[in-house]
Amino acid sequence: MTPVVDAHHHVWDLSVRDQEWIAGEAMAPLRRNFCLADLRRETAASGVHATILVQTVTVAEETPEFLALAASDHLVAGVVGWVDLTGPDVARRLAELRSLPGGDRLVGVRHQVQAEPDPDWLCRADVLRGLGALTDAHLTYDLLTLPHQLPAALRAATALPELTFVVDHLSKPPIATGELEPWADRLRALARCPNVVCKLSGMVTEANWHSWKVADLRPYADVVLEAFGPERVMFGSDWPVCLLAGSYGQVVEAARTLTAGLSAAERAAVFGGTAARVYGLKSSGGQAH
């Protein structure tokens, strides 16, 4: 039986570092510390055996901290960290991270592209050079984009066919309004690149936080599953951000309902097999290249 993997979650300690993006009354539920002990209670109840810990801020010090956490707790099978992709020394910085405690758990890199004002940021020469360093290091790249940035993601994925790109949160479609286009067409175009996979994550916080139903999520999940195929889709909770709209258990149950029509093998891919293959996870919770 394939272990269930939560391919996307976060932790933070506000006494170590502020999370400036957690601002305003609506975000108040997230303005506290969230640690692996909190997550373990949720994963145990939901049958999740391993997780991918994903960066939250563009601060170099965070990734070594996450790697150390992974080294001390086998729940974390992999870390998607952050490096400055525009810097001239990306390869050296990746090597340094790999040499740290838990460095063997580094599976990928992410940058908050959604916050970049340039819609073509991913296609800048310095960024493409940095992404090339990830290819050389056998790491993946998590795409945190908004729908209008998908054309640039397509060009980057086409330019770097040996790098695996992982779309986070379906690229944040407007679930709350029920609109599918132009998001769906843009995501389908990206899905035609065989080196791109997609996380079934972050949906509840793009829906109406207080009144969403699984039926609201289904059109978007269906686009992803049809465009990528289950073998290129992986479940992620986006905990604790998901708590703005639902509990960990509700998010897991929604994903299971949305994939209920798949075969057993296809569900096994979405809930573990895809993440294990893409991120190179060992069954024991480690990572291999």
C-alpha atoms as a PDB file:
ATOM      1  CA  MET A   1       0.000   0.000   0.000  1.00  0.00           C
ATOM      2  CA  THR A   2       1.360   3.416  -0.973  1.00  0.00           C
ATOM      3  CA  PRO A   3       1.891   5.634   2.104  1.00  0.00           C
ATOM      4  CA  VAL A   4      -0.303   8.739   2.138  1.00  0.00           C
ATOM      5  CA  VAL A   5       1.782  11.867   1.595  1.00  0.00           C
ATOM      6  CA  ASP A   6       0.714  15.413   2.338  1.00  0.00           C
ATOM      7  CA  ALA A   7       2.757  17.173  -0.340  1.00  0.00           C
ATOM      8  CA  HIS A   8       2.304  20.727   0.926  1.00  0.00           C
ATOM      9  CA  HIS A   9       2.314  22.225   4.398  1.00  0.00           C
ATOM     10  CA  HIS A  10       4.059  24.910   6.439  1.00  0.00           C
ATOM     11  CA  VAL A  11       5.238  25.595   9.976  1.00  0.00           C
ATOM     12  CA  TRP A  12       6.364  28.814  11.623  1.00  0.00           C
ATOM     13  CA  ASP A  13       7.469  30.237  14.956  1.00  0.00           C
ATOM     14  CA  LEU A  14       6.633  33.925  15.244  1.00  0.00           C
ATOM     15  CA  SER A  15       9.189  34.347  18.030  1.00  0.00           C
ATOM     16  CA  VAL A  16      11.906  33.397  15.550  1.00  0.00           C
ATOM     17  CA  ARG A  17      10.594  35.312  12.538  1.00  0.00           C
ATOM     18  CA  ASP A  18       7.496  37.302  11.701  1.00  0.00           C
ATOM     19  CA  GLN A  19       5.332  36.198   8.818  1.00  0.00           C
ATOM     20  CA  GLU A  20       4.490  39.574   7.343  1.00  0.00           C
ATOM     21  CA  TRP A  21       1.924  38.130   4.954  1.00  0.00           C
ATOM     22  CA  ILE A  22      -0.286  37.210   7.931  1.00  0.00           C
ATOM     23  CA  ALA A  23      -1.896  40.628   8.249  1.00  0.00           C
ATOM     24  CA  GLY A  24      -5.409  41.901   8.856  1.00  0.00           C
ATOM     25  CA  GLU A  25      -8.365  40.630  10.872  1.00  0.00           C
ATOM     26  CA  ALA A  26      -9.260  37.874   8.428  1.00  0.00           C
ATOM     27  CA  MET A  27      -5.828  36.290   8.832  1.00  0.00           C
ATOM     28  CA  ALA A  28      -5.865  36.482  12.637  1.00  0.00           C
ATOM     29  CA  PRO A  29      -6.371  32.696  13.103  1.00  0.00           C
ATOM     30  CA  LEU A  30      -2.891  32.171  11.619  1.00  0.00           C
ATOM     31  CA  ARG A  31      -1.091  34.643  13.894  1.00  0.00           C
ATOM     32  CA  ARG A  32       0.261  32.028  16.273  1.00  0.00           C
ATOM     33  CA  ASN A  33       2.958  29.411  16.200  1.00  0.00           C
ATOM     34  CA  PHE A  34       2.372  26.194  14.255  1.00  0.00           C
ATOM     35  CA  CYS A  35       4.805  23.336  14.840  1.00  0.00           C
ATOM     36  CA  LEU A  36       5.229  19.742  13.728  1.00  0.00           C
ATOM     37  CA  ALA A  37       3.644  18.462  16.942  1.00  0.00           C
ATOM     38  CA  ASP A  38       0.456  20.315  15.984  1.00  0.00           C
ATOM     39  CA  LEU A  39       0.586  18.815  12.500  1.00  0.00           C
ATOM     40  CA  ARG A  40       1.277  15.297  13.743  1.00  0.00           C
ATOM     41  CA  ARG A  41      -2.049  15.216  15.584  1.00  0.00           C
ATOM     42  CA  GLU A  42      -3.801  16.046  12.313  1.00  0.00           C
ATOM     43  CA  THR A  43      -1.865  13.658  10.091  1.00  0.00           C
ATOM     44  CA  ALA A  44      -2.307  10.764  12.512  1.00  0.00           C
ATOM     45  CA  ALA A  45      -6.065  11.231  12.509  1.00  0.00           C
ATOM     46  CA  SER A  46      -6.183  11.415   8.701  1.00  0.00           C
ATOM     47  CA  GLY A  47      -3.887   8.517   7.865  1.00  0.00           C
ATOM     48  CA  VAL A  48      -1.062  10.669   6.479  1.00  0.00           C
ATOM     49  CA  HIS A  49       2.367   9.071   6.902  1.00  0.00           C
ATOM     50  CA  ALA A  50       4.763  11.628   5.391  1.00  0.00           C
ATOM     51  CA  THR A  51       4.793  15.292   4.417  1.00  0.00           C
ATOM     52  CA  ILE A  52       6.567  17.912   2.338  1.00  0.00           C
ATOM     53  CA  LEU A  53       7.463  21.063   4.301  1.00  0.00           C
ATOM     54  CA  VAL A  54       7.341  24.131   2.050  1.00  0.00           C
ATOM     55  CA  GLN A  55       8.997  27.535   2.474  1.00  0.00           C
ATOM     56  CA  THR A  56       6.908  30.481   3.643  1.00  0.00           C
ATOM     57  CA  VAL A  57       9.141  33.548   3.307  1.00  0.00           C
ATOM     58  CA  THR A  58      11.967  34.708   1.037  1.00  0.00           C
ATOM     59  CA  VAL A  59      14.545  34.555   3.802  1.00  0.00           C
ATOM     60  CA  ALA A  60      17.673  32.433   3.369  1.00  0.00           C
ATOM     61  CA  GLU A  61      17.784  31.402   7.044  1.00  0.00           C
ATOM     62  CA  GLU A  62      14.444  29.586   6.891  1.00  0.00           C
ATOM     63  CA  THR A  63      15.574  26.687   4.705  1.00  0.00           C
ATOM     64  CA  PRO A  64      18.382  25.486   7.018  1.00  0.00           C
ATOM     65  CA  GLU A  65      15.882  25.609   9.875  1.00  0.00           C
ATOM     66  CA  PHE A  66      13.438  23.478   7.917  1.00  0.00           C
ATOM     67  CA  LEU A  67      16.142  20.986   6.977  1.00  0.00           C
ATOM     68  CA  ALA A  68      17.075  20.649  10.647  1.00  0.00           C
ATOM     69  CA  LEU A  69      13.426  19.991  11.473  1.00  0.00           C
ATOM     70  CA  ALA A  70      13.294  17.303   8.805  1.00  0.00           C
ATOM     71  CA  ALA A  71      16.461  15.717  10.178  1.00  0.00           C
ATOM     72  CA  SER A  72      14.873  15.514  13.621  1.00  0.00           C
ATOM     73  CA  ASP A  73      11.409  14.297  12.626  1.00  0.00           C
ATOM     74  CA  HIS A  74      10.719  11.585  10.059  1.00  0.00           C
ATOM     75  CA  LEU A  75       7.229  12.904   9.431  1.00  0.00           C
ATOM     76  CA  VAL A  76       8.882  15.428   7.107  1.00  0.00           C
ATOM     77  CA  ALA A  77      10.044  13.406   4.129  1.00  0.00           C
ATOM     78  CA  GLY A  78      11.182  16.399   2.106  1.00  0.00           C
ATOM     79  CA  VAL A  79      11.705  20.158   2.190  1.00  0.00           C
ATOM     80  CA  VAL A  80      10.965  22.654  -0.560  1.00  0.00           C
ATOM     81  CA  GLY A  81      13.172  25.575   0.414  1.00  0.00           C
ATOM     82  CA  TRP A  82      14.172  28.967  -0.954  1.00  0.00           C
ATOM     83  CA  VAL A  83      17.263  30.392  -2.592  1.00  0.00           C
ATOM     84  CA  ASP A  84      17.650  33.610  -4.547  1.00  0.00           C
ATOM     85  CA  LEU A  85      17.259  32.298  -8.079  1.00  0.00           C
ATOM     86  CA  THR A  86      18.462  35.611  -9.504  1.00  0.00           C
ATOM     87  CA  GLY A  87      21.812  35.403  -7.725  1.00  0.00           C
ATOM     88  CA  PRO A  88      25.008  34.370  -9.523  1.00  0.00           C
ATOM     89  CA  ASP A  89      25.809  31.614  -7.013  1.00  0.00           C
ATOM     90  CA  VAL A  90      22.680  29.439  -6.945  1.00  0.00           C
ATOM     91  CA  ALA A  91      24.624  26.207  -7.453  1.00  0.00           C
ATOM     92  CA  ARG A  92      26.966  26.996  -4.550  1.00  0.00           C
ATOM     93  CA  ARG A  93      24.087  27.871  -2.248  1.00  0.00           C
ATOM     94  CA  LEU A  94      22.295  24.631  -3.100  1.00  0.00           C
ATOM     95  CA  ALA A  95      25.471  22.669  -2.361  1.00  0.00           C
ATOM     96  CA  GLU A  96      25.779  24.448   0.975  1.00  0.00           C
ATOM     97  CA  LEU A  97      22.203  23.540   1.880  1.00  0.00           C
ATOM     98  CA  ARG A  98      22.839  19.941   0.945  1.00  0.00           C
ATOM     99  CA  SER A  99      25.823  19.847   3.307  1.00  0.00           C
ATOM    100  CA  LEU A 100      23.763  20.914   6.327  1.00  0.00           C
ATOM    101  CA  PRO A 101      21.998  18.633   8.830  1.00  0.00           C
ATOM    102  CA  GLY A 102      18.941  17.366   6.986  1.00  0.00           C
ATOM    103  CA  GLY A 103      20.388  18.477   3.666  1.00  0.00           C
ATOM    104  CA  ASP A 104      19.495  15.136   2.125  1.00  0.00           C
ATOM    105  CA  ARG A 105      15.835  16.092   2.632  1.00  0.00           C
ATOM    106  CA  LEU A 106      16.055  19.069   0.276  1.00  0.00           C
ATOM    107  CA  VAL A 107      13.812  18.113  -2.647  1.00  0.00           C
ATOM    108  CA  GLY A 108      13.004  21.412  -4.295  1.00  0.00           C
ATOM    109  CA  VAL A 109      12.915  25.202  -4.270  1.00  0.00           C
ATOM    110  CA  ARG A 110      10.079  27.717  -4.336  1.00  0.00           C
ATOM    111  CA  HIS A 111       9.750  31.466  -4.753  1.00  0.00           C
ATOM    112  CA  GLN A 112       6.667  33.648  -4.208  1.00  0.00           C
ATOM    113  CA  VAL A 113       6.219  34.438  -7.893  1.00  0.00           C
ATOM    114  CA  GLN A 114       2.649  35.495  -7.113  1.00  0.00           C
ATOM    115  CA  ALA A 115       4.088  38.593  -5.408  1.00  0.00           C
ATOM    116  CA  GLU A 116       6.283  39.594  -8.358  1.00  0.00           C
ATOM    117  CA  PRO A 117       4.852  42.605 -10.241  1.00  0.00           C
ATOM    118  CA  ASP A 118       6.443  41.463 -13.509  1.00  0.00           C
ATOM    119  CA  PRO A 119       4.114  38.829 -15.055  1.00  0.00           C
ATOM    120  CA  ASP A 120       7.085  37.499 -17.028  1.00  0.00           C
ATOM    121  CA  TRP A 121       9.399  37.177 -14.016  1.00  0.00           C
ATOM    122  CA  LEU A 122       9.839  33.454 -14.620  1.00  0.00           C
ATOM    123  CA  CYS A 123      11.218  34.146 -18.093  1.00  0.00           C
ATOM    124  CA  ARG A 124      13.916  36.594 -17.043  1.00  0.00           C
ATOM    125  CA  ALA A 125      17.397  35.476 -18.083  1.00  0.00           C
ATOM    126  CA  ASP A 126      18.727  35.486 -14.513  1.00  0.00           C
ATOM    127  CA  VAL A 127      15.753  33.481 -13.246  1.00  0.00           C
ATOM    128  CA  LEU A 128      16.081  30.906 -16.028  1.00  0.00           C
ATOM    129  CA  ARG A 129      19.767  30.588 -15.186  1.00  0.00           C
ATOM    130  CA  GLY A 130      18.862  29.946 -11.549  1.00  0.00           C
ATOM    131  CA  LEU A 131      16.249  27.398 -12.537  1.00  0.00           C
ATOM    132  CA  GLY A 132      18.876  25.679 -14.644  1.00  0.00           C
ATOM    133  CA  ALA A 133      20.951  25.217 -11.494  1.00  0.00           C
ATOM    134  CA  LEU A 134      18.025  23.306  -9.976  1.00  0.00           C
ATOM    135  CA  THR A 135      18.078  20.964 -12.959  1.00  0.00           C
ATOM    136  CA  ASP A 136      21.782  20.316 -12.456  1.00  0.00           C
ATOM    137  CA  ALA A 137      21.148  19.630  -8.757  1.00  0.00           C
ATOM    138  CA  HIS A 138      18.282  17.211  -9.526  1.00  0.00           C
ATOM    139  CA  LEU A 139      15.808  19.347  -7.601  1.00  0.00           C
ATOM    140  CA  THR A 140      12.264  20.374  -8.488  1.00  0.00           C
ATOM    141  CA  TYR A 141      10.705  23.832  -8.671  1.00  0.00           C
ATOM    142  CA  ASP A 142       7.374  24.640  -7.018  1.00  0.00           C
ATOM    143  CA  LEU A 143       5.373  27.217  -8.974  1.00  0.00           C
ATOM    144  CA  LEU A 144       3.478  29.625  -6.717  1.00  0.00           C
ATOM    145  CA  THR A 145       1.685  31.616  -9.397  1.00  0.00           C
ATOM    146  CA  LEU A 146      -1.560  33.384 -10.142  1.00  0.00           C
ATOM    147  CA  PRO A 147      -3.540  32.608 -13.309  1.00  0.00           C
ATOM    148  CA  HIS A 148      -2.184  35.596 -15.243  1.00  0.00           C
ATOM    149  CA  GLN A 149       1.354  34.272 -14.686  1.00  0.00           C
ATOM    150  CA  LEU A 150       0.667  30.870 -16.241  1.00  0.00           C
ATOM    151  CA  PRO A 151       1.791  31.887 -19.758  1.00  0.00           C
ATOM    152  CA  ALA A 152       5.233  32.754 -18.373  1.00  0.00           C
ATOM    153  CA  ALA A 153       5.278  29.457 -16.466  1.00  0.00           C
ATOM    154  CA  LEU A 154       4.556  27.687 -19.745  1.00  0.00           C
ATOM    155  CA  ARG A 155       7.473  29.393 -21.452  1.00  0.00           C
ATOM    156  CA  ALA A 156       9.818  28.553 -18.568  1.00  0.00           C
ATOM    157  CA  ALA A 157       8.725  24.910 -18.487  1.00  0.00           C
ATOM    158  CA  THR A 158       9.207  24.676 -22.251  1.00  0.00           C
ATOM    159  CA  ALA A 159      12.663  26.252 -22.023  1.00  0.00           C
ATOM    160  CA  LEU A 160      13.768  23.832 -19.287  1.00  0.00           C
ATOM    161  CA  PRO A 161      12.316  20.425 -20.228  1.00  0.00           C
ATOM    162  CA  GLU A 162      14.591  18.530 -17.823  1.00  0.00           C
ATOM    163  CA  LEU A 163      13.375  20.471 -14.763  1.00  0.00           C
ATOM    164  CA  THR A 164      10.216  19.263 -13.043  1.00  0.00           C
ATOM    165  CA  PHE A 165       7.818  22.105 -12.234  1.00  0.00           C
ATOM    166  CA  VAL A 166       5.178  21.581  -9.532  1.00  0.00           C
ATOM    167  CA  VAL A 167       2.122  23.849  -9.685  1.00  0.00           C
ATOM    168  CA  ASP A 168       1.023  24.847  -6.177  1.00  0.00           C
ATOM    169  CA  HIS A 169      -2.668  25.363  -5.359  1.00  0.00           C
ATOM    170  CA  LEU A 170      -3.841  24.904  -8.980  1.00  0.00           C
ATOM    171  CA  SER A 171      -2.300  28.369  -9.601  1.00  0.00           C
ATOM    172  CA  LYS A 172      -5.056  29.878  -7.443  1.00  0.00           C
ATOM    173  CA  PRO A 173      -8.148  29.908  -9.678  1.00  0.00           C
ATOM    174  CA  PRO A 174     -11.084  32.176  -8.695  1.00  0.00           C
ATOM    175  CA  ILE A 175     -13.151  29.450  -7.037  1.00  0.00           C
ATOM    176  CA  ALA A 176     -15.126  31.954  -4.957  1.00  0.00           C
ATOM    177  CA  THR A 177     -16.625  33.497  -8.104  1.00  0.00           C
ATOM    178  CA  GLY A 178     -17.053  30.233  -9.995  1.00  0.00           C
ATOM    179  CA  GLU A 179     -15.121  31.452 -13.044  1.00  0.00           C
ATOM    180  CA  LEU A 180     -13.130  28.846 -14.970  1.00  0.00           C
ATOM    181  CA  GLU A 181     -11.652  30.880 -17.808  1.00  0.00           C
ATOM    182  CA  PRO A 182      -9.055  31.949 -18.686  1.00  0.00           C
ATOM    183  CA  TRP A 183      -7.501  29.904 -15.848  1.00  0.00           C
ATOM    184  CA  ALA A 184      -8.598  26.530 -17.236  1.00  0.00           C
ATOM    185  CA  ASP A 185      -7.252  27.074 -20.750  1.00  0.00           C
ATOM    186  CA  ARG A 186      -3.946  28.377 -19.399  1.00  0.00           C
ATOM    187  CA  LEU A 187      -3.548  25.466 -16.992  1.00  0.00           C
ATOM    188  CA  ARG A 188      -4.396  22.934 -19.711  1.00  0.00           C
ATOM    189  CA  ALA A 189      -1.701  24.465 -21.915  1.00  0.00           C
ATOM    190  CA  LEU A 190       0.829  24.129 -19.104  1.00  0.00           C
ATOM    191  CA  ALA A 191      -0.261  20.542 -18.484  1.00  0.00           C
ATOM    192  CA  ARG A 192       0.778  19.636 -22.030  1.00  0.00           C
ATOM    193  CA  CYS A 193       4.367  19.959 -20.854  1.00  0.00           C
ATOM    194  CA  PRO A 194       5.313  16.500 -19.576  1.00  0.00           C
ATOM    195  CA  ASN A 195       7.706  18.021 -17.008  1.00  0.00           C
ATOM    196  CA  VAL A 196       4.895  19.774 -15.102  1.00  0.00           C
ATOM    197  CA  VAL A 197       2.806  18.272 -12.287  1.00  0.00           C
ATOM    198  CA  CYS A 198       0.117  19.847 -10.113  1.00  0.00           C
ATOM    199  CA  LYS A 199      -0.807  19.851  -6.445  1.00  0.00           C
ATOM    200  CA  LEU A 200      -4.440  19.350  -5.528  1.00  0.00           C
ATOM    201  CA  SER A 201      -4.059  21.898  -2.756  1.00  0.00           C
ATOM    202  CA  GLY A 202      -5.118  25.326  -1.600  1.00  0.00           C
ATOM    203  CA  MET A 203      -8.641  25.080  -2.985  1.00  0.00           C
ATOM    204  CA  VAL A 204     -10.653  25.842   0.148  1.00  0.00           C
ATOM    205  CA  THR A 205      -8.931  29.187   0.674  1.00  0.00           C
ATOM    206  CA  GLU A 206      -9.682  30.226  -2.909  1.00  0.00           C
ATOM    207  CA  ALA A 207     -13.347  29.382  -2.293  1.00  0.00           C
ATOM    208  CA  ASN A 208     -15.687  31.242   0.033  1.00  0.00           C
ATOM    209  CA  TRP A 209     -14.054  30.533   3.390  1.00  0.00           C
ATOM    210  CA  HIS A 210     -17.283  30.287   5.367  1.00  0.00           C
ATOM    211  CA  SER A 211     -19.697  28.574   2.984  1.00  0.00           C
ATOM    212  CA  TRP A 212     -17.717  26.423   0.523  1.00  0.00           C
ATOM    213  CA  LYS A 213     -18.950  22.981  -0.464  1.00  0.00           C
ATOM    214  CA  VAL A 214     -17.126  20.181  -2.257  1.00  0.00           C
ATOM    215  CA  ALA A 215     -19.329  20.920  -5.275  1.00  0.00           C
ATOM    216  CA  ASP A 216     -17.707  24.364  -5.498  1.00  0.00           C
ATOM    217  CA  LEU A 217     -14.268  22.768  -5.773  1.00  0.00           C
ATOM    218  CA  ARG A 218     -15.177  19.982  -8.185  1.00  0.00           C
ATOM    219  CA  PRO A 219     -15.009  21.883 -11.511  1.00  0.00           C
ATOM    220  CA  TYR A 220     -11.470  23.001 -10.722  1.00  0.00           C
ATOM    221  CA  ALA A 221     -10.311  19.621  -9.462  1.00  0.00           C
ATOM    222  CA  ASP A 222     -11.809  18.001 -12.553  1.00  0.00           C
ATOM    223  CA  VAL A 223      -9.830  20.335 -14.850  1.00  0.00           C
ATOM    224  CA  VAL A 224      -6.610  19.396 -13.041  1.00  0.00           C
ATOM    225  CA  LEU A 225      -7.272  15.657 -13.027  1.00  0.00           C
ATOM    226  CA  GLU A 226      -8.273  15.632 -16.700  1.00  0.00           C
ATOM    227  CA  ALA A 227      -5.422  17.866 -17.857  1.00  0.00           C
ATOM    228  CA  PHE A 228      -2.579  16.271 -15.919  1.00  0.00           C
ATOM    229  CA  GLY A 229      -3.893  12.786 -15.239  1.00  0.00           C
ATOM    230  CA  PRO A 230      -3.734  11.348 -11.700  1.00  0.00           C
ATOM    231  CA  GLU A 231      -0.136  10.239 -12.262  1.00  0.00           C
ATOM    232  CA  ARG A 232       0.862  13.929 -12.350  1.00  0.00           C
ATOM    233  CA  VAL A 233      -1.341  15.140  -9.495  1.00  0.00           C
ATOM    234  CA  MET A 234      -0.512  15.101  -5.774  1.00  0.00           C
ATOM    235  CA  PHE A 235      -2.567  15.948  -2.698  1.00  0.00           C
ATOM    236  CA  GLY A 236      -1.472  18.769  -0.410  1.00  0.00           C
ATOM    237  CA  SER A 237      -3.276  20.166   2.620  1.00  0.00           C
ATOM    238  CA  ASP A 238      -1.738  23.657   2.691  1.00  0.00           C
ATOM    239  CA  TRP A 239      -1.967  23.414   6.491  1.00  0.00           C
ATOM    240  CA  PRO A 240      -2.128  25.625   8.491  1.00  0.00           C
ATOM    241  CA  VAL A 241      -3.279  28.163   5.871  1.00  0.00           C
ATOM    242  CA  CYS A 242      -6.241  25.885   5.144  1.00  0.00           C
ATOM    243  CA  LEU A 243      -7.523  26.536   8.670  1.00  0.00           C
ATOM    244  CA  LEU A 244      -8.891  29.854   7.429  1.00  0.00           C
ATOM    245  CA  ALA A 245     -11.570  27.853   5.625  1.00  0.00           C
ATOM    246  CA  GLY A 246     -11.613  24.355   7.095  1.00  0.00           C
ATOM    247  CA  SER A 247      -9.946  21.812   9.325  1.00  0.00           C
ATOM    248  CA  TYR A 248      -7.180  19.479   8.198  1.00  0.00           C
ATOM    249  CA  GLY A 249      -9.638  16.593   8.260  1.00  0.00           C
ATOM    250  CA  GLN A 250     -12.155  18.493   6.133  1.00  0.00           C
ATOM    251  CA  VAL A 251      -9.495  19.255   3.514  1.00  0.00           C
ATOM    252  CA  VAL A 252      -8.399  15.617   3.361  1.00  0.00           C
ATOM    253  CA  GLU A 253     -11.994  14.412   3.138  1.00  0.00           C
ATOM    254  CA  ALA A 254     -12.777  16.914   0.375  1.00  0.00           C
ATOM    255  CA  ALA A 255      -9.823  15.645  -1.654  1.00  0.00           C
ATOM    256  CA  ARG A 256     -10.939  12.057  -1.148  1.00  0.00           C
ATOM    257  CA  THR A 257     -14.460  12.923  -2.280  1.00  0.00           C
ATOM    258  CA  LEU A 258     -13.160  14.750  -5.356  1.00  0.00           C
ATOM    259  CA  THR A 259     -11.094  11.713  -6.355  1.00  0.00           C
ATOM    260  CA  ALA A 260     -13.635   9.038  -5.458  1.00  0.00           C
ATOM    261  CA  GLY A 261     -14.326   8.315  -9.123  1.00  0.00           C
ATOM    262  CA  LEU A 262     -10.724   7.340  -9.822  1.00  0.00           C
ATOM    263  CA  SER A 263      -9.411   3.803  -9.756  1.00  0.00           C
ATOM    264  CA  ALA A 264      -7.577   2.537  -6.687  1.00  0.00           C
ATOM    265  CA  ALA A 265      -4.246   2.900  -8.508  1.00  0.00           C
ATOM    266  CA  GLU A 266      -5.075   6.450  -9.558  1.00  0.00           C
ATOM    267  CA  ARG A 267      -6.047   7.454  -6.018  1.00  0.00           C
ATOM    268  CA  ALA A 268      -2.820   5.908  -4.752  1.00  0.00           C
ATOM    269  CA  ALA A 269      -0.918   8.161  -7.151  1.00  0.00           C
ATOM    270  CA  VAL A 270      -2.710  11.328  -6.025  1.00  0.00           C
ATOM    271  CA  PHE A 271      -2.326  10.530  -2.325  1.00  0.00           C
ATOM    272  CA  GLY A 272       1.278   9.425  -2.330  1.00  0.00           C
ATOM    273  CA  GLY A 273       2.728   7.869  -5.449  1.00  0.00           C
ATOM    274  CA  THR A 274       3.113  11.061  -7.459  1.00  0.00           C
ATOM    275  CA  ALA A 275       4.734  12.948  -4.584  1.00  0.00           C
ATOM    276  CA  ALA A 276       7.094  10.063  -3.835  1.00  0.00           C
ATOM    277  CA  ARG A 277       8.194   9.857  -7.476  1.00  0.00           C
ATOM    278  CA  VAL A 278       8.440  13.579  -8.210  1.00  0.00           C
ATOM    279  CA  TYR A 279      10.212  14.499  -4.991  1.00  0.00           C
ATOM    280  CA  GLY A 280      12.301  11.329  -4.880  1.00  0.00           C
ATOM    281  CA  LEU A 281      11.068  10.207  -1.473  1.00  0.00           C
ATOM    282  CA  LYS A 282      12.213   7.003   0.112  1.00  0.00           C
ATOM    283  CA  SER A 283       9.583   4.834   1.750  1.00  0.00           C
ATOM    284  CA  SER A 284      11.262   5.504   5.089  1.00  0.00           C
ATOM    285  CA  GLY A 285      10.694   9.242   4.727  1.00  0.00           C
ATOM    286  CA  GLY A 286      14.036  10.121   3.244  1.00  0.00           C
ATOM    287  CA  GLN A 287      14.972  11.273  -0.212  1.00  0.00           C
ATOM    288  CA  ALA A 288      16.954   9.841  -3.082  1.00  0.00           C
ATOM    289  CA  HIS A 289      18.230  11.227  -6.347  1.00  0.00           C
END
